[in-house]
Structure formats: structure tokens, C-alpha cells
């Protein structure tokens, strides 16, 4: 699967990338909202793994962009807080497929990604003569 990871902690982001590559996926790491939106505008991703807060900014604009432009893309929201004084988690509810609480056990992330991969709808891919094949 093509996976976009939005995480501002470079060590954690790199751990996610390495773990998902070892599982046969194609992860790309973004560290800012603007970078994630630019990547999403130029490539289709099967899954987005997104920290709720990047620096001082909420990633809700990224989640909304995903739902507006690629509604079938799965979203795993990662958060380090259980407190949401501005209602962020409530606002993100419709945009999120799954939620993980930090600190994330890397085995839990890998298992959740594998579960998503097994249960996601198949995509139709055109073959050379214009009929479609199921990917």
C-alpha cells in the first residue's frame, strides 16, 4: 500500500517508515501540514497515518483535505493526549478510520495497518485493453 505518514517527530516518523517498509508497504513521511497536502494533491495514497498535533497546529485541515479529495483513503489518527480542549477529536471523528494513543507500540501500528490492508475494498485497475482488473 502507498501510505502517507504525517509526523513531526523525525525519530518516530522514521521508525514508522522503516516498520512499514519491512511489511512491504511504500510509506512517505511528511513533517508539516503543507507538505502533506502537497503530497496528497499529487499522488493517491491508500492510507494516511497522521499525528493530531504537528508543532502547535492541528492536522484537521489535512484530514478534511483527505476526505474531500480521496474519501476512500483510510486514516489512522495518532494522538499523545486524551484532552481535547478545542474539540479536535470530536471534529475529526468523521475523517478518521482508526485512532491510536501515544506512546504507540510499533507492533500495534503494524497490526492495524495489516488489518486495514486486509479489509479495505479492492481497487479497480485498468488493464492494457481498457477492461478493469481487481488489484
C-alpha atoms as a PDB file:
ATOM      1  CA  UNK A   1       0.000   0.000   0.000  1.00  0.00           C
ATOM      2  CA  UNK A   2       1.008   3.599  -0.553  1.00  0.00           C
ATOM      3  CA  UNK A   3       0.995   5.254   2.873  1.00  0.00           C
ATOM      4  CA  UNK A   4       1.459   8.899   3.825  1.00  0.00           C
ATOM      5  CA  UNK A   5       2.749   9.497   7.347  1.00  0.00           C
ATOM      6  CA  UNK A   6       2.346  12.960   8.884  1.00  0.00           C
ATOM      7  CA  UNK A   7       4.574  13.116  11.967  1.00  0.00           C
ATOM      8  CA  UNK A   8       6.772  15.987  13.169  1.00  0.00           C
ATOM      9  CA  UNK A   9       8.953  13.820  15.428  1.00  0.00           C
ATOM     10  CA  UNK A  10      11.622  12.709  12.938  1.00  0.00           C
ATOM     11  CA  UNK A  11      12.740   9.713  15.027  1.00  0.00           C
ATOM     12  CA  UNK A  12       9.207   8.400  15.402  1.00  0.00           C
ATOM     13  CA  UNK A  13       8.383   9.127  11.758  1.00  0.00           C
ATOM     14  CA  UNK A  14      11.455   7.230  10.605  1.00  0.00           C
ATOM     15  CA  UNK A  15      10.520   4.276  12.840  1.00  0.00           C
ATOM     16  CA  UNK A  16       7.061   4.203  11.216  1.00  0.00           C
ATOM     17  CA  UNK A  17       8.631   4.338   7.735  1.00  0.00           C
ATOM     18  CA  UNK A  18      11.099   1.515   8.437  1.00  0.00           C
ATOM     19  CA  UNK A  19       8.448  -0.698  10.035  1.00  0.00           C
ATOM     20  CA  UNK A  20       6.021  -0.253   7.146  1.00  0.00           C
ATOM     21  CA  UNK A  21       8.736  -0.776   4.510  1.00  0.00           C
ATOM     22  CA  UNK A  22       9.654  -4.069   6.228  1.00  0.00           C
ATOM     23  CA  UNK A  23       5.999  -5.090   5.841  1.00  0.00           C
ATOM     24  CA  UNK A  24       6.110  -4.427   2.080  1.00  0.00           C
ATOM     25  CA  UNK A  25       4.397  -1.024   2.050  1.00  0.00           C
ATOM     26  CA  UNK A  26       5.508   2.228   0.417  1.00  0.00           C
ATOM     27  CA  UNK A  27       5.475   4.921   3.105  1.00  0.00           C
ATOM     28  CA  UNK A  28       6.279   8.595   2.572  1.00  0.00           C
ATOM     29  CA  UNK A  29       6.988  10.893   5.531  1.00  0.00           C
ATOM     30  CA  UNK A  30       5.734  14.490   5.751  1.00  0.00           C
ATOM     31  CA  UNK A  31       6.620  16.723   8.704  1.00  0.00           C
ATOM     32  CA  UNK A  32       4.245  19.687   8.123  1.00  0.00           C
ATOM     33  CA  UNK A  33       0.601  20.096   7.130  1.00  0.00           C
ATOM     34  CA  UNK A  34       1.523  21.992   3.960  1.00  0.00           C
ATOM     35  CA  UNK A  35       3.923  19.239   2.904  1.00  0.00           C
ATOM     36  CA  UNK A  36       1.259  16.555   3.492  1.00  0.00           C
ATOM     37  CA  UNK A  37      -1.357  18.449   1.481  1.00  0.00           C
ATOM     38  CA  UNK A  38       1.085  18.947  -1.403  1.00  0.00           C
ATOM     39  CA  UNK A  39       1.863  15.211  -1.430  1.00  0.00           C
ATOM     40  CA  UNK A  40      -1.833  14.304  -1.264  1.00  0.00           C
ATOM     41  CA  UNK A  41      -2.587  16.656  -4.161  1.00  0.00           C
ATOM     42  CA  UNK A  42      -0.030  14.904  -6.376  1.00  0.00           C
ATOM     43  CA  UNK A  43      -0.437  11.217  -5.505  1.00  0.00           C
ATOM     44  CA  UNK A  44      -3.142   8.837  -4.337  1.00  0.00           C
ATOM     45  CA  UNK A  45      -2.488   7.129  -1.015  1.00  0.00           C
ATOM     46  CA  UNK A  46      -4.295   4.093   0.353  1.00  0.00           C
ATOM     47  CA  UNK A  47      -3.739   5.126   3.959  1.00  0.00           C
ATOM     48  CA  UNK A  48      -2.737   8.243   5.896  1.00  0.00           C
ATOM     49  CA  UNK A  49      -1.188   7.929   9.353  1.00  0.00           C
ATOM     50  CA  UNK A  50      -1.483  11.321  10.969  1.00  0.00           C
ATOM     51  CA  UNK A  51      -0.441  12.800  14.297  1.00  0.00           C
ATOM     52  CA  UNK A  52      -3.263  15.016  15.606  1.00  0.00           C
ATOM     53  CA  UNK A  53      -0.952  17.895  16.541  1.00  0.00           C
ATOM     54  CA  UNK A  54       2.074  18.962  14.469  1.00  0.00           C
ATOM     55  CA  UNK A  55       4.050  21.603  16.345  1.00  0.00           C
ATOM     56  CA  UNK A  56       1.308  23.947  17.555  1.00  0.00           C
ATOM     57  CA  UNK A  57      -1.065  23.183  14.664  1.00  0.00           C
ATOM     58  CA  UNK A  58      -3.935  20.752  14.419  1.00  0.00           C
ATOM     59  CA  UNK A  59      -3.833  18.407  11.441  1.00  0.00           C
ATOM     60  CA  UNK A  60      -7.607  18.655  10.944  1.00  0.00           C
ATOM     61  CA  UNK A  61      -7.125  20.605   7.666  1.00  0.00           C
ATOM     62  CA  UNK A  62      -5.143  17.647   6.304  1.00  0.00           C
ATOM     63  CA  UNK A  63      -7.821  15.183   7.401  1.00  0.00           C
ATOM     64  CA  UNK A  64     -10.532  17.286   5.764  1.00  0.00           C
ATOM     65  CA  UNK A  65      -8.451  17.513   2.562  1.00  0.00           C
ATOM     66  CA  UNK A  66      -8.169  13.711   2.506  1.00  0.00           C
ATOM     67  CA  UNK A  67     -11.928  13.275   2.861  1.00  0.00           C
ATOM     68  CA  UNK A  68     -12.691  15.900   0.197  1.00  0.00           C
ATOM     69  CA  UNK A  69     -10.225  14.631  -2.394  1.00  0.00           C
ATOM     70  CA  UNK A  70      -9.922  10.900  -1.647  1.00  0.00           C
ATOM     71  CA  UNK A  71     -12.839   9.755   0.515  1.00  0.00           C
ATOM     72  CA  UNK A  72     -11.865   6.068   0.265  1.00  0.00           C
ATOM     73  CA  UNK A  73      -8.432   6.697   1.789  1.00  0.00           C
ATOM     74  CA  UNK A  74      -8.090   5.234   5.265  1.00  0.00           C
ATOM     75  CA  UNK A  75      -6.904   7.436   8.134  1.00  0.00           C
ATOM     76  CA  UNK A  76      -5.169   6.358  11.325  1.00  0.00           C
ATOM     77  CA  UNK A  77      -5.072   9.243  13.797  1.00  0.00           C
ATOM     78  CA  UNK A  78      -2.268   9.154  16.352  1.00  0.00           C
ATOM     79  CA  UNK A  79      -2.503  11.346  19.426  1.00  0.00           C
ATOM     80  CA  UNK A  80      -0.451  11.858  22.546  1.00  0.00           C
ATOM     81  CA  UNK A  81      -3.212  13.476  24.530  1.00  0.00           C
ATOM     82  CA  UNK A  82      -6.537  12.385  25.900  1.00  0.00           C
ATOM     83  CA  UNK A  83      -7.573  16.005  26.441  1.00  0.00           C
ATOM     84  CA  UNK A  84      -9.088  17.951  23.572  1.00  0.00           C
ATOM     85  CA  UNK A  85      -9.918  21.453  24.808  1.00  0.00           C
ATOM     86  CA  UNK A  86     -10.933  22.664  21.324  1.00  0.00           C
ATOM     87  CA  UNK A  87     -12.932  19.545  20.484  1.00  0.00           C
ATOM     88  CA  UNK A  88     -10.338  18.297  17.976  1.00  0.00           C
ATOM     89  CA  UNK A  89     -11.154  14.616  18.368  1.00  0.00           C
ATOM     90  CA  UNK A  90     -14.883  15.242  18.006  1.00  0.00           C
ATOM     91  CA  UNK A  91     -14.260  17.329  14.858  1.00  0.00           C
ATOM     92  CA  UNK A  92     -12.008  14.633  13.409  1.00  0.00           C
ATOM     93  CA  UNK A  93     -14.446  11.789  14.087  1.00  0.00           C
ATOM     94  CA  UNK A  94     -15.899  11.572  10.583  1.00  0.00           C
ATOM     95  CA  UNK A  95     -12.464  11.846   8.987  1.00  0.00           C
ATOM     96  CA  UNK A  96     -10.799   9.016  10.958  1.00  0.00           C
ATOM     97  CA  UNK A  97     -10.880   5.251  10.362  1.00  0.00           C
ATOM     98  CA  UNK A  98      -8.864   4.307  13.465  1.00  0.00           C
ATOM     99  CA  UNK A  99      -7.206   6.052  16.419  1.00  0.00           C
ATOM    100  CA  UNK A 100      -4.007   5.129  18.278  1.00  0.00           C
ATOM    101  CA  UNK A 101      -2.853   6.634  21.562  1.00  0.00           C
ATOM    102  CA  UNK A 102       0.814   7.592  22.050  1.00  0.00           C
ATOM    103  CA  UNK A 103       3.099   6.085  23.019  1.00  0.00           C
ATOM    104  CA  UNK A 104       2.316   3.816  20.088  1.00  0.00           C
ATOM    105  CA  UNK A 105       3.557   0.262  20.290  1.00  0.00           C
ATOM    106  CA  UNK A 106       5.058  -0.306  16.856  1.00  0.00           C
ATOM    107  CA  UNK A 107       3.570  -3.823  16.749  1.00  0.00           C
ATOM    108  CA  UNK A 108       0.104  -2.285  17.268  1.00  0.00           C
ATOM    109  CA  UNK A 109       0.650   0.114  14.379  1.00  0.00           C
ATOM    110  CA  UNK A 110       1.871  -2.686  12.105  1.00  0.00           C
ATOM    111  CA  UNK A 111      -1.109  -4.877  13.075  1.00  0.00           C
ATOM    112  CA  UNK A 112      -3.595  -2.056  12.463  1.00  0.00           C
ATOM    113  CA  UNK A 113      -2.086  -1.295   9.049  1.00  0.00           C
ATOM    114  CA  UNK A 114      -2.216  -5.010   8.160  1.00  0.00           C
ATOM    115  CA  UNK A 115      -5.855  -5.163   9.284  1.00  0.00           C
ATOM    116  CA  UNK A 116      -6.703  -2.115   7.172  1.00  0.00           C
ATOM    117  CA  UNK A 117      -4.930  -3.644   4.166  1.00  0.00           C
ATOM    118  CA  UNK A 118      -6.874  -6.916   4.519  1.00  0.00           C
ATOM    119  CA  UNK A 119     -10.280  -5.263   4.952  1.00  0.00           C
ATOM    120  CA  UNK A 120     -10.132  -2.339   2.510  1.00  0.00           C
ATOM    121  CA  UNK A 121     -12.206  -2.518  -0.646  1.00  0.00           C
ATOM    122  CA  UNK A 122     -10.354  -3.686  -3.753  1.00  0.00           C
ATOM    123  CA  UNK A 123      -9.414  -1.045  -6.280  1.00  0.00           C
ATOM    124  CA  UNK A 124     -10.159  -1.475  -9.967  1.00  0.00           C
ATOM    125  CA  UNK A 125      -7.110  -1.055 -12.155  1.00  0.00           C
ATOM    126  CA  UNK A 126      -7.458  -0.687 -15.940  1.00  0.00           C
ATOM    127  CA  UNK A 127      -5.573  -3.308 -17.903  1.00  0.00           C
ATOM    128  CA  UNK A 128      -3.884  -2.783 -21.284  1.00  0.00           C
ATOM    129  CA  UNK A 129      -7.097  -3.107 -23.326  1.00  0.00           C
ATOM    130  CA  UNK A 130      -9.295  -0.889 -21.157  1.00  0.00           C
ATOM    131  CA  UNK A 131     -11.164  -3.503 -19.110  1.00  0.00           C
ATOM    132  CA  UNK A 132     -10.617  -3.492 -15.391  1.00  0.00           C
ATOM    133  CA  UNK A 133      -8.855  -5.881 -13.133  1.00  0.00           C
ATOM    134  CA  UNK A 134      -9.182  -6.013  -9.375  1.00  0.00           C
ATOM    135  CA  UNK A 135      -5.997  -5.071  -7.540  1.00  0.00           C
END
